[in-house]
Amino acid sequence: MSEIKIVATVRENFGKGAARKLRAAGQTPAVIYGHGNATRHISLPAHEVRLALRHKNALLELNIAGKTELVLVKSASKDPVTQIIEHVDLVEVVKGEKVHVEVPVHVIGEAMGGTIVDLEHKTVKLEAEATHVPDFVELHISKEAPAGHHYTAKGIVLPKGVTLDLPAGELVASVVETQAGAAAETEAAAE
């Protein structure tokens, strides 16, 4: 995923009242941590932040007072009712640096008729270069896999330069028989 460029401004005022005023002005309060630097308080355009947060593990290229910095979104807090992003925590990163992130697992393929694939891990933890974090990883399943078949972490397809933070034998998904599949099997056995 490429960097999302956003112009940020340094915040001088803190607290609930200052944060409310920022949000009313279309800005989102944020904090940058990392690399032994002092914590820095900034504000970001709310609309651009909303768009950036559509991507898991969004890498942002911030322009702060003419200086460019790369940051990774660590967490974001939303208002439970209005769904407005109230605050964003960012972690400073350097190109070439490895980061630990969590990405979703996408199942590729179809299960055998009468079965479904039950994901034990909907997301997995990876170690990847900060500028090359994948949006997702793939687990390829076979239509011939019978009920009871297990897919382990070693079956996950990883992009080059990415390592999985799971043991190779860890269960990721299993093939489970559906009720319709069990009923059809019972009917076939009765005939």
N, C-alpha and C. Protein backbone atom coordinates (compact mmCIF):
# COMPACT_ATOMS: atom_id res chain seq x y z
N MET A 1 0.84 -1.17 0.00
CA MET A 1 0.00 0.00 0.00
C MET A 1 0.89 1.24 0.00
N SER A 2 0.56 2.21 -0.80
CA SER A 2 1.37 3.42 -0.87
C SER A 2 0.99 4.37 0.27
N GLU A 3 1.87 5.34 0.48
CA GLU A 3 1.63 6.30 1.56
C GLU A 3 0.49 7.24 1.19
N ILE A 4 -0.29 7.61 2.18
CA ILE A 4 -1.35 8.58 2.00
C ILE A 4 -0.81 9.91 2.52
N LYS A 5 -0.79 10.92 1.65
CA LYS A 5 -0.20 12.21 2.02
C LYS A 5 -1.24 13.12 2.67
N ILE A 6 -0.89 13.64 3.85
CA ILE A 6 -1.78 14.52 4.60
C ILE A 6 -0.96 15.67 5.19
N VAL A 7 -1.51 16.86 5.13
CA VAL A 7 -0.88 18.02 5.75
C VAL A 7 -1.40 18.13 7.18
N ALA A 8 -0.48 18.16 8.14
CA ALA A 8 -0.85 18.24 9.56
C ALA A 8 -0.39 19.57 10.14
N THR A 9 -1.03 19.97 11.22
CA THR A 9 -0.61 21.19 11.92
C THR A 9 -0.33 20.85 13.38
N VAL A 10 0.64 21.53 13.95
CA VAL A 10 1.02 21.30 15.35
C VAL A 10 -0.05 21.91 16.24
N ARG A 11 -0.43 21.17 17.30
CA ARG A 11 -1.43 21.65 18.26
C ARG A 11 -0.75 22.31 19.44
N GLU A 12 -1.28 23.43 19.85
CA GLU A 12 -0.77 24.12 21.03
C GLU A 12 -1.73 23.99 22.21
N ASN A 13 -3.02 23.79 21.92
CA ASN A 13 -4.03 23.70 22.98
C ASN A 13 -4.44 22.24 23.17
N PHE A 14 -4.63 21.85 24.43
CA PHE A 14 -4.96 20.47 24.75
C PHE A 14 -6.21 20.42 25.63
N GLY A 15 -6.72 19.23 25.84
CA GLY A 15 -7.89 19.05 26.69
C GLY A 15 -9.16 18.86 25.90
N LYS A 16 -10.24 18.54 26.61
CA LYS A 16 -11.52 18.25 25.97
C LYS A 16 -12.07 19.43 25.18
N GLY A 17 -12.00 20.63 25.78
CA GLY A 17 -12.54 21.81 25.11
C GLY A 17 -11.81 22.11 23.81
N ALA A 18 -10.48 22.03 23.84
CA ALA A 18 -9.68 22.28 22.63
C ALA A 18 -9.96 21.22 21.57
N ALA A 19 -10.12 19.96 22.00
CA ALA A 19 -10.40 18.87 21.06
C ALA A 19 -11.78 19.06 20.41
N ARG A 20 -12.76 19.49 21.19
CA ARG A 20 -14.10 19.73 20.64
C ARG A 20 -14.07 20.84 19.59
N LYS A 21 -13.32 21.91 19.89
CA LYS A 21 -13.20 23.01 18.93
C LYS A 21 -12.53 22.54 17.64
N LEU A 22 -11.51 21.71 17.77
CA LEU A 22 -10.83 21.17 16.57
C LEU A 22 -11.81 20.36 15.72
N ARG A 23 -12.54 19.44 16.38
CA ARG A 23 -13.49 18.60 15.64
C ARG A 23 -14.58 19.44 14.98
N ALA A 24 -15.03 20.50 15.66
CA ALA A 24 -16.05 21.39 15.09
C ALA A 24 -15.50 22.12 13.87
N ALA A 25 -14.19 22.33 13.84
CA ALA A 25 -13.55 23.01 12.70
C ALA A 25 -13.12 22.03 11.61
N GLY A 26 -13.54 20.76 11.71
CA GLY A 26 -13.22 19.78 10.67
C GLY A 26 -11.83 19.18 10.81
N GLN A 27 -11.28 19.21 12.01
CA GLN A 27 -9.95 18.65 12.28
C GLN A 27 -10.07 17.50 13.27
N THR A 28 -9.11 16.57 13.22
CA THR A 28 -9.06 15.46 14.16
C THR A 28 -7.79 15.56 14.98
N PRO A 29 -7.88 15.57 16.32
CA PRO A 29 -6.67 15.58 17.14
C PRO A 29 -5.91 14.26 17.00
N ALA A 30 -4.58 14.35 17.01
CA ALA A 30 -3.75 13.15 16.90
C ALA A 30 -2.48 13.33 17.71
N VAL A 31 -1.85 12.20 18.04
CA VAL A 31 -0.59 12.20 18.78
C VAL A 31 0.38 11.28 18.05
N ILE A 32 1.65 11.72 17.93
CA ILE A 32 2.69 10.90 17.31
C ILE A 32 3.64 10.43 18.40
N TYR A 33 3.88 9.10 18.44
CA TYR A 33 4.81 8.48 19.38
C TYR A 33 5.94 7.83 18.58
N GLY A 34 7.03 7.49 19.27
CA GLY A 34 8.03 6.61 18.68
C GLY A 34 9.41 7.18 18.49
N HIS A 35 10.34 6.25 18.31
CA HIS A 35 11.76 6.51 18.02
C HIS A 35 12.44 7.41 19.03
N GLY A 36 12.03 7.31 20.28
CA GLY A 36 12.67 8.06 21.34
C GLY A 36 12.40 9.56 21.31
N ASN A 37 11.58 10.00 20.38
CA ASN A 37 11.23 11.42 20.30
C ASN A 37 10.14 11.73 21.32
N ALA A 38 10.05 12.98 21.68
CA ALA A 38 8.99 13.41 22.59
C ALA A 38 7.64 13.25 21.87
N THR A 39 6.61 12.98 22.65
CA THR A 39 5.26 12.87 22.11
C THR A 39 4.88 14.20 21.48
N ARG A 40 4.33 14.14 20.25
CA ARG A 40 3.94 15.38 19.57
C ARG A 40 2.44 15.38 19.31
N HIS A 41 1.82 16.50 19.55
CA HIS A 41 0.38 16.67 19.37
C HIS A 41 0.14 17.43 18.07
N ILE A 42 -0.69 16.86 17.21
CA ILE A 42 -1.00 17.49 15.92
C ILE A 42 -2.49 17.41 15.67
N SER A 43 -2.93 18.10 14.61
CA SER A 43 -4.31 17.95 14.15
C SER A 43 -4.26 17.64 12.66
N LEU A 44 -5.22 16.84 12.22
CA LEU A 44 -5.30 16.39 10.83
C LEU A 44 -6.67 16.71 10.27
N PRO A 45 -6.79 16.92 8.95
CA PRO A 45 -8.11 17.13 8.35
C PRO A 45 -8.99 15.90 8.55
N ALA A 46 -10.15 16.08 9.15
CA ALA A 46 -11.03 14.96 9.51
C ALA A 46 -11.44 14.11 8.31
N HIS A 47 -11.77 14.75 7.19
CA HIS A 47 -12.20 14.00 6.01
C HIS A 47 -11.08 13.09 5.50
N GLU A 48 -9.86 13.62 5.44
CA GLU A 48 -8.73 12.83 4.96
C GLU A 48 -8.41 11.68 5.92
N VAL A 49 -8.58 11.91 7.21
CA VAL A 49 -8.34 10.86 8.20
C VAL A 49 -9.37 9.74 8.01
N ARG A 50 -10.64 10.10 7.82
CA ARG A 50 -11.69 9.10 7.59
C ARG A 50 -11.36 8.24 6.38
N LEU A 51 -10.92 8.87 5.29
CA LEU A 51 -10.56 8.12 4.09
C LEU A 51 -9.36 7.22 4.33
N ALA A 52 -8.36 7.71 5.04
CA ALA A 52 -7.16 6.93 5.31
C ALA A 52 -7.46 5.71 6.18
N LEU A 53 -8.38 5.88 7.15
CA LEU A 53 -8.68 4.78 8.07
C LEU A 53 -9.53 3.68 7.44
N ARG A 54 -9.94 3.87 6.21
CA ARG A 54 -10.63 2.78 5.50
C ARG A 54 -9.66 1.63 5.22
N HIS A 55 -8.36 1.95 5.21
CA HIS A 55 -7.32 0.95 4.96
C HIS A 55 -6.74 0.50 6.29
N LYS A 56 -6.72 -0.80 6.50
CA LYS A 56 -6.10 -1.33 7.72
C LYS A 56 -4.61 -1.06 7.65
N ASN A 57 -4.00 -0.70 8.76
CA ASN A 57 -2.57 -0.40 8.85
C ASN A 57 -2.15 0.70 7.88
N ALA A 58 -2.94 1.76 7.82
CA ALA A 58 -2.66 2.87 6.90
C ALA A 58 -1.32 3.52 7.21
N LEU A 59 -0.51 3.71 6.17
CA LEU A 59 0.77 4.40 6.29
C LEU A 59 0.56 5.82 5.78
N LEU A 60 0.79 6.79 6.67
CA LEU A 60 0.56 8.18 6.32
C LEU A 60 1.88 8.92 6.16
N GLU A 61 1.96 9.75 5.12
CA GLU A 61 3.11 10.64 4.95
C GLU A 61 2.62 12.02 5.36
N LEU A 62 3.03 12.45 6.55
CA LEU A 62 2.57 13.71 7.09
C LEU A 62 3.53 14.84 6.71
N ASN A 63 2.97 15.98 6.37
CA ASN A 63 3.75 17.19 6.14
C ASN A 63 3.45 18.11 7.32
N ILE A 64 4.43 18.21 8.25
CA ILE A 64 4.25 19.03 9.45
C ILE A 64 5.23 20.19 9.36
N ALA A 65 4.70 21.37 9.14
CA ALA A 65 5.52 22.60 9.03
C ALA A 65 6.65 22.43 8.02
N GLY A 66 6.35 21.84 6.87
CA GLY A 66 7.33 21.67 5.80
C GLY A 66 8.21 20.45 5.93
N LYS A 67 8.12 19.72 7.04
CA LYS A 67 8.92 18.52 7.26
C LYS A 67 8.05 17.28 7.02
N THR A 68 8.58 16.30 6.27
CA THR A 68 7.82 15.09 5.95
C THR A 68 8.19 13.97 6.92
N GLU A 69 7.16 13.27 7.42
CA GLU A 69 7.35 12.15 8.34
C GLU A 69 6.43 11.01 7.94
N LEU A 70 6.91 9.77 8.11
CA LEU A 70 6.09 8.58 7.89
C LEU A 70 5.56 8.09 9.23
N VAL A 71 4.27 7.83 9.28
CA VAL A 71 3.66 7.31 10.50
C VAL A 71 2.68 6.20 10.14
N LEU A 72 2.50 5.29 11.08
CA LEU A 72 1.56 4.19 10.93
C LEU A 72 0.45 4.42 11.94
N VAL A 73 -0.79 4.20 11.55
CA VAL A 73 -1.92 4.38 12.46
C VAL A 73 -1.89 3.24 13.47
N LYS A 74 -1.77 3.60 14.75
CA LYS A 74 -1.76 2.61 15.82
C LYS A 74 -3.17 2.32 16.30
N SER A 75 -3.93 3.39 16.55
CA SER A 75 -5.32 3.22 16.97
C SER A 75 -6.10 4.49 16.70
N ALA A 76 -7.40 4.34 16.64
CA ALA A 76 -8.29 5.49 16.44
C ALA A 76 -9.51 5.27 17.31
N SER A 77 -9.98 6.34 17.96
CA SER A 77 -11.19 6.21 18.77
C SER A 77 -12.33 6.97 18.08
N LYS A 78 -13.50 6.29 18.04
CA LYS A 78 -14.69 6.86 17.41
C LYS A 78 -15.76 7.09 18.45
N ASP A 79 -16.60 8.08 18.20
CA ASP A 79 -17.78 8.28 19.03
C ASP A 79 -18.74 7.14 18.68
N PRO A 80 -19.23 6.40 19.67
CA PRO A 80 -20.10 5.25 19.37
C PRO A 80 -21.42 5.61 18.71
N VAL A 81 -21.90 6.82 18.90
CA VAL A 81 -23.19 7.21 18.33
C VAL A 81 -23.01 7.87 16.97
N THR A 82 -22.19 8.91 16.92
CA THR A 82 -22.04 9.69 15.68
C THR A 82 -21.04 9.09 14.70
N GLN A 83 -20.19 8.15 15.18
CA GLN A 83 -19.15 7.52 14.37
C GLN A 83 -18.08 8.51 13.89
N ILE A 84 -17.99 9.67 14.54
CA ILE A 84 -16.95 10.65 14.22
C ILE A 84 -15.65 10.18 14.88
N ILE A 85 -14.55 10.25 14.14
CA ILE A 85 -13.26 9.87 14.69
C ILE A 85 -12.83 10.98 15.64
N GLU A 86 -12.69 10.63 16.90
CA GLU A 86 -12.39 11.62 17.93
C GLU A 86 -10.90 11.85 18.13
N HIS A 87 -10.09 10.81 17.92
CA HIS A 87 -8.66 10.91 18.20
C HIS A 87 -7.92 9.80 17.47
N VAL A 88 -6.67 10.08 17.06
CA VAL A 88 -5.86 9.08 16.38
C VAL A 88 -4.48 9.03 17.03
N ASP A 89 -4.01 7.81 17.33
CA ASP A 89 -2.64 7.60 17.81
C ASP A 89 -1.81 7.11 16.64
N LEU A 90 -0.66 7.74 16.43
CA LEU A 90 0.22 7.42 15.31
C LEU A 90 1.59 7.01 15.84
N VAL A 91 2.25 6.10 15.13
CA VAL A 91 3.59 5.66 15.49
C VAL A 91 4.53 6.04 14.37
N GLU A 92 5.61 6.74 14.71
CA GLU A 92 6.60 7.16 13.71
C GLU A 92 7.36 5.93 13.21
N VAL A 93 7.56 5.84 11.89
CA VAL A 93 8.32 4.74 11.30
C VAL A 93 9.37 5.30 10.34
N VAL A 94 10.35 4.46 10.03
CA VAL A 94 11.41 4.83 9.11
C VAL A 94 11.39 3.81 7.97
N LYS A 95 11.59 4.26 6.73
CA LYS A 95 11.63 3.33 5.60
C LYS A 95 12.67 2.26 5.86
N GLY A 96 12.30 1.02 5.57
CA GLY A 96 13.20 -0.11 5.81
C GLY A 96 13.01 -0.75 7.17
N GLU A 97 12.36 -0.05 8.08
CA GLU A 97 12.12 -0.57 9.43
C GLU A 97 11.03 -1.63 9.39
N LYS A 98 11.20 -2.68 10.20
CA LYS A 98 10.19 -3.74 10.30
C LYS A 98 9.19 -3.36 11.40
N VAL A 99 7.91 -3.60 11.13
CA VAL A 99 6.86 -3.33 12.10
C VAL A 99 5.99 -4.57 12.27
N HIS A 100 5.36 -4.67 13.42
CA HIS A 100 4.43 -5.77 13.70
C HIS A 100 3.02 -5.24 13.51
N VAL A 101 2.26 -5.89 12.64
CA VAL A 101 0.90 -5.46 12.33
C VAL A 101 -0.02 -6.68 12.29
N GLU A 102 -1.31 -6.40 12.30
CA GLU A 102 -2.32 -7.45 12.18
C GLU A 102 -3.10 -7.20 10.90
N VAL A 103 -3.21 -8.25 10.05
CA VAL A 103 -3.92 -8.11 8.78
C VAL A 103 -4.97 -9.21 8.65
N PRO A 104 -6.03 -8.96 7.87
CA PRO A 104 -7.08 -9.98 7.70
C PRO A 104 -6.62 -11.14 6.82
N VAL A 105 -7.25 -12.29 7.03
CA VAL A 105 -7.01 -13.48 6.21
C VAL A 105 -8.16 -13.59 5.21
N HIS A 106 -7.84 -13.64 3.91
CA HIS A 106 -8.85 -13.83 2.87
C HIS A 106 -8.80 -15.28 2.40
N VAL A 107 -9.96 -15.95 2.39
CA VAL A 107 -10.05 -17.32 1.93
C VAL A 107 -10.25 -17.32 0.42
N ILE A 108 -9.38 -18.03 -0.29
CA ILE A 108 -9.45 -18.12 -1.75
C ILE A 108 -9.85 -19.55 -2.10
N GLY A 109 -10.91 -19.70 -2.87
CA GLY A 109 -11.40 -21.02 -3.26
C GLY A 109 -12.75 -21.31 -2.62
N GLU A 110 -13.28 -22.50 -2.93
CA GLU A 110 -14.59 -22.91 -2.41
C GLU A 110 -14.47 -24.20 -1.64
N ALA A 111 -15.32 -24.36 -0.65
CA ALA A 111 -15.36 -25.59 0.12
C ALA A 111 -16.21 -26.62 -0.63
N MET A 112 -16.01 -27.88 -0.30
CA MET A 112 -16.79 -28.98 -0.88
C MET A 112 -18.26 -28.78 -0.55
N GLY A 113 -19.15 -29.23 -1.42
CA GLY A 113 -20.58 -29.11 -1.17
C GLY A 113 -20.95 -29.73 0.17
N GLY A 114 -21.79 -29.05 0.94
CA GLY A 114 -22.21 -29.55 2.24
C GLY A 114 -21.24 -29.22 3.37
N THR A 115 -20.20 -28.44 3.03
CA THR A 115 -19.25 -28.02 4.06
C THR A 115 -19.00 -26.52 3.97
N ILE A 116 -18.45 -25.97 5.03
CA ILE A 116 -18.03 -24.57 5.04
C ILE A 116 -16.64 -24.50 5.67
N VAL A 117 -15.94 -23.40 5.43
CA VAL A 117 -14.64 -23.19 6.04
C VAL A 117 -14.84 -22.28 7.24
N ASP A 118 -14.44 -22.77 8.41
CA ASP A 118 -14.54 -22.01 9.65
C ASP A 118 -13.17 -21.44 9.98
N LEU A 119 -13.05 -20.09 9.92
CA LEU A 119 -11.78 -19.43 10.21
C LEU A 119 -11.56 -19.31 11.71
N GLU A 120 -10.49 -19.88 12.21
CA GLU A 120 -10.11 -19.72 13.61
C GLU A 120 -9.42 -18.38 13.82
N HIS A 121 -8.65 -17.95 12.82
CA HIS A 121 -7.95 -16.66 12.85
C HIS A 121 -8.46 -15.81 11.69
N LYS A 122 -9.31 -14.85 11.97
CA LYS A 122 -9.79 -13.93 10.93
C LYS A 122 -8.70 -12.92 10.58
N THR A 123 -7.79 -12.68 11.52
CA THR A 123 -6.62 -11.83 11.29
C THR A 123 -5.40 -12.56 11.82
N VAL A 124 -4.23 -12.23 11.27
CA VAL A 124 -2.97 -12.80 11.74
C VAL A 124 -1.96 -11.69 11.94
N LYS A 125 -1.02 -11.91 12.85
CA LYS A 125 0.03 -10.93 13.11
C LYS A 125 1.21 -11.22 12.20
N LEU A 126 1.75 -10.16 11.61
CA LEU A 126 2.87 -10.26 10.68
C LEU A 126 3.98 -9.31 11.09
N GLU A 127 5.17 -9.60 10.58
CA GLU A 127 6.27 -8.66 10.66
C GLU A 127 6.60 -8.31 9.22
N ALA A 128 6.54 -7.02 8.90
CA ALA A 128 6.77 -6.56 7.53
C ALA A 128 7.47 -5.22 7.55
N GLU A 129 8.09 -4.89 6.41
CA GLU A 129 8.69 -3.57 6.29
C GLU A 129 7.56 -2.54 6.34
N ALA A 130 7.79 -1.45 7.03
CA ALA A 130 6.75 -0.44 7.26
C ALA A 130 6.13 0.08 5.97
N THR A 131 6.90 0.16 4.90
CA THR A 131 6.37 0.69 3.64
C THR A 131 5.80 -0.40 2.74
N HIS A 132 5.83 -1.66 3.18
CA HIS A 132 5.30 -2.76 2.38
C HIS A 132 4.38 -3.67 3.19
N VAL A 133 3.51 -3.09 3.98
CA VAL A 133 2.56 -3.87 4.77
C VAL A 133 1.43 -4.31 3.84
N PRO A 134 1.17 -5.62 3.73
CA PRO A 134 0.08 -6.06 2.86
C PRO A 134 -1.28 -5.71 3.45
N ASP A 135 -2.28 -5.52 2.57
CA ASP A 135 -3.65 -5.24 3.03
C ASP A 135 -4.28 -6.49 3.63
N PHE A 136 -3.87 -7.68 3.14
CA PHE A 136 -4.39 -8.95 3.62
C PHE A 136 -3.43 -10.07 3.20
N VAL A 137 -3.63 -11.26 3.75
CA VAL A 137 -2.91 -12.45 3.32
C VAL A 137 -3.95 -13.46 2.84
N GLU A 138 -3.51 -14.42 2.03
CA GLU A 138 -4.45 -15.37 1.43
C GLU A 138 -4.26 -16.77 2.00
N LEU A 139 -5.38 -17.46 2.16
CA LEU A 139 -5.39 -18.88 2.52
C LEU A 139 -6.14 -19.59 1.40
N HIS A 140 -5.43 -20.43 0.64
CA HIS A 140 -6.04 -21.14 -0.48
C HIS A 140 -6.61 -22.47 0.02
N ILE A 141 -7.89 -22.68 -0.27
CA ILE A 141 -8.55 -23.92 0.16
C ILE A 141 -8.91 -24.75 -1.07
N SER A 142 -9.08 -26.03 -0.84
CA SER A 142 -9.37 -26.96 -1.93
C SER A 142 -10.81 -27.45 -1.83
N LYS A 143 -11.44 -27.60 -3.00
CA LYS A 143 -12.82 -28.10 -3.04
C LYS A 143 -12.88 -29.58 -2.68
N GLU A 144 -11.73 -30.25 -2.75
CA GLU A 144 -11.68 -31.68 -2.43
C GLU A 144 -11.47 -31.95 -0.93
N ALA A 145 -11.21 -30.91 -0.14
CA ALA A 145 -10.95 -31.10 1.29
C ALA A 145 -12.23 -31.54 2.00
N PRO A 146 -12.22 -32.72 2.64
CA PRO A 146 -13.43 -33.23 3.31
C PRO A 146 -13.67 -32.53 4.65
N ALA A 147 -14.85 -32.74 5.22
CA ALA A 147 -15.15 -32.21 6.55
C ALA A 147 -14.12 -32.75 7.53
N GLY A 148 -13.65 -31.89 8.41
CA GLY A 148 -12.63 -32.29 9.38
C GLY A 148 -11.22 -31.92 8.95
N HIS A 149 -11.04 -31.48 7.70
CA HIS A 149 -9.70 -31.08 7.21
C HIS A 149 -9.28 -29.78 7.89
N HIS A 150 -8.01 -29.69 8.24
CA HIS A 150 -7.48 -28.50 8.92
C HIS A 150 -6.47 -27.79 8.03
N TYR A 151 -6.52 -26.46 8.05
CA TYR A 151 -5.53 -25.62 7.38
C TYR A 151 -4.71 -24.93 8.46
N THR A 152 -3.39 -25.02 8.35
CA THR A 152 -2.50 -24.45 9.36
C THR A 152 -1.83 -23.18 8.83
N ALA A 153 -1.11 -22.51 9.71
CA ALA A 153 -0.45 -21.24 9.38
C ALA A 153 0.53 -21.38 8.22
N LYS A 154 1.14 -22.57 8.06
CA LYS A 154 2.11 -22.73 6.96
C LYS A 154 1.43 -22.68 5.59
N GLY A 155 0.10 -22.79 5.54
CA GLY A 155 -0.63 -22.71 4.28
C GLY A 155 -0.98 -21.29 3.86
N ILE A 156 -0.68 -20.31 4.70
CA ILE A 156 -0.97 -18.91 4.36
C ILE A 156 0.06 -18.41 3.36
N VAL A 157 -0.41 -17.78 2.29
CA VAL A 157 0.47 -17.24 1.26
C VAL A 157 0.92 -15.85 1.71
N LEU A 158 2.24 -15.70 1.86
CA LEU A 158 2.81 -14.44 2.34
C LEU A 158 3.56 -13.73 1.22
N PRO A 159 3.45 -12.41 1.13
CA PRO A 159 4.24 -11.65 0.18
C PRO A 159 5.73 -11.73 0.54
N LYS A 160 6.59 -11.43 -0.41
CA LYS A 160 8.03 -11.47 -0.19
C LYS A 160 8.42 -10.48 0.92
N GLY A 161 9.29 -10.93 1.82
CA GLY A 161 9.79 -10.06 2.89
C GLY A 161 8.89 -9.98 4.10
N VAL A 162 7.83 -10.76 4.14
CA VAL A 162 6.88 -10.74 5.25
C VAL A 162 6.98 -12.06 6.01
N THR A 163 7.03 -11.99 7.34
CA THR A 163 7.05 -13.21 8.15
C THR A 163 5.83 -13.23 9.05
N LEU A 164 5.37 -14.43 9.34
CA LEU A 164 4.18 -14.65 10.14
C LEU A 164 4.56 -14.80 11.60
N ASP A 165 3.82 -14.17 12.50
CA ASP A 165 4.06 -14.28 13.94
C ASP A 165 3.21 -15.39 14.55
N LEU A 166 3.09 -16.50 13.84
CA LEU A 166 2.34 -17.67 14.32
C LEU A 166 3.19 -18.91 14.07
N PRO A 167 3.13 -19.91 14.95
CA PRO A 167 3.83 -21.16 14.66
C PRO A 167 3.25 -21.81 13.40
N ALA A 168 4.09 -22.48 12.62
CA ALA A 168 3.65 -23.09 11.35
C ALA A 168 2.51 -24.08 11.54
N GLY A 169 2.44 -24.75 12.69
CA GLY A 169 1.41 -25.74 12.93
C GLY A 169 0.12 -25.19 13.53
N GLU A 170 0.05 -23.88 13.74
CA GLU A 170 -1.14 -23.25 14.34
C GLU A 170 -2.35 -23.40 13.42
N LEU A 171 -3.49 -23.84 13.97
CA LEU A 171 -4.73 -23.98 13.21
C LEU A 171 -5.25 -22.62 12.79
N VAL A 172 -5.48 -22.44 11.49
CA VAL A 172 -6.01 -21.19 10.96
C VAL A 172 -7.47 -21.36 10.55
N ALA A 173 -7.79 -22.50 9.94
CA ALA A 173 -9.16 -22.75 9.49
C ALA A 173 -9.40 -24.26 9.45
N SER A 174 -10.67 -24.62 9.53
CA SER A 174 -11.03 -26.03 9.42
C SER A 174 -12.30 -26.16 8.57
N VAL A 175 -12.43 -27.29 7.92
CA VAL A 175 -13.60 -27.57 7.09
C VAL A 175 -14.64 -28.25 7.98
N VAL A 176 -15.84 -27.66 8.03
CA VAL A 176 -16.90 -28.16 8.90
C VAL A 176 -18.11 -28.53 8.06
N GLU A 177 -18.72 -29.65 8.41
CA GLU A 177 -19.92 -30.09 7.69
C GLU A 177 -21.12 -29.24 8.13
N THR A 178 -21.94 -28.82 7.16
CA THR A 178 -23.13 -28.04 7.48
C THR A 178 -24.27 -28.99 7.85
N GLN A 179 -25.35 -28.44 8.41
CA GLN A 179 -26.50 -29.28 8.75
C GLN A 179 -27.12 -29.88 7.49
N ALA A 180 -27.14 -29.10 6.41
CA ALA A 180 -27.69 -29.60 5.14
C ALA A 180 -26.83 -30.74 4.63
N GLY A 181 -25.53 -30.61 4.76
CA GLY A 181 -24.61 -31.67 4.32
C GLY A 181 -24.79 -32.93 5.14
N ALA A 182 -24.99 -32.80 6.44
CA ALA A 182 -25.20 -33.95 7.32
C ALA A 182 -26.52 -34.63 6.99
N ALA A 183 -27.58 -33.83 6.71
CA ALA A 183 -28.89 -34.39 6.37
C ALA A 183 -28.81 -35.16 5.06
N ALA A 184 -28.10 -34.63 4.06
CA ALA A 184 -27.95 -35.30 2.77
C ALA A 184 -27.17 -36.61 2.94
N GLU A 185 -26.18 -36.62 3.80
CA GLU A 185 -25.38 -37.82 4.06
C GLU A 185 -26.23 -38.88 4.74
N THR A 186 -27.11 -38.46 5.67
CA THR A 186 -28.00 -39.39 6.37
C THR A 186 -29.01 -40.00 5.40
N GLU A 187 -29.54 -39.16 4.49
CA GLU A 187 -30.49 -39.64 3.48
C GLU A 187 -29.82 -40.67 2.57
N ALA A 188 -28.61 -40.39 2.14
CA ALA A 188 -27.88 -41.30 1.25
C ALA A 188 -27.62 -42.62 1.94
N ALA A 189 -27.30 -42.58 3.22
CA ALA A 189 -27.03 -43.79 3.98
C ALA A 189 -28.31 -44.61 4.17
N ALA A 190 -29.46 -43.92 4.33
CA ALA A 190 -30.74 -44.61 4.53
C ALA A 190 -31.20 -45.33 3.27
N GLU A 191 -30.86 -44.76 2.12
CA GLU A 191 -31.26 -45.39 0.86
C GLU A 191 -30.37 -46.57 0.60
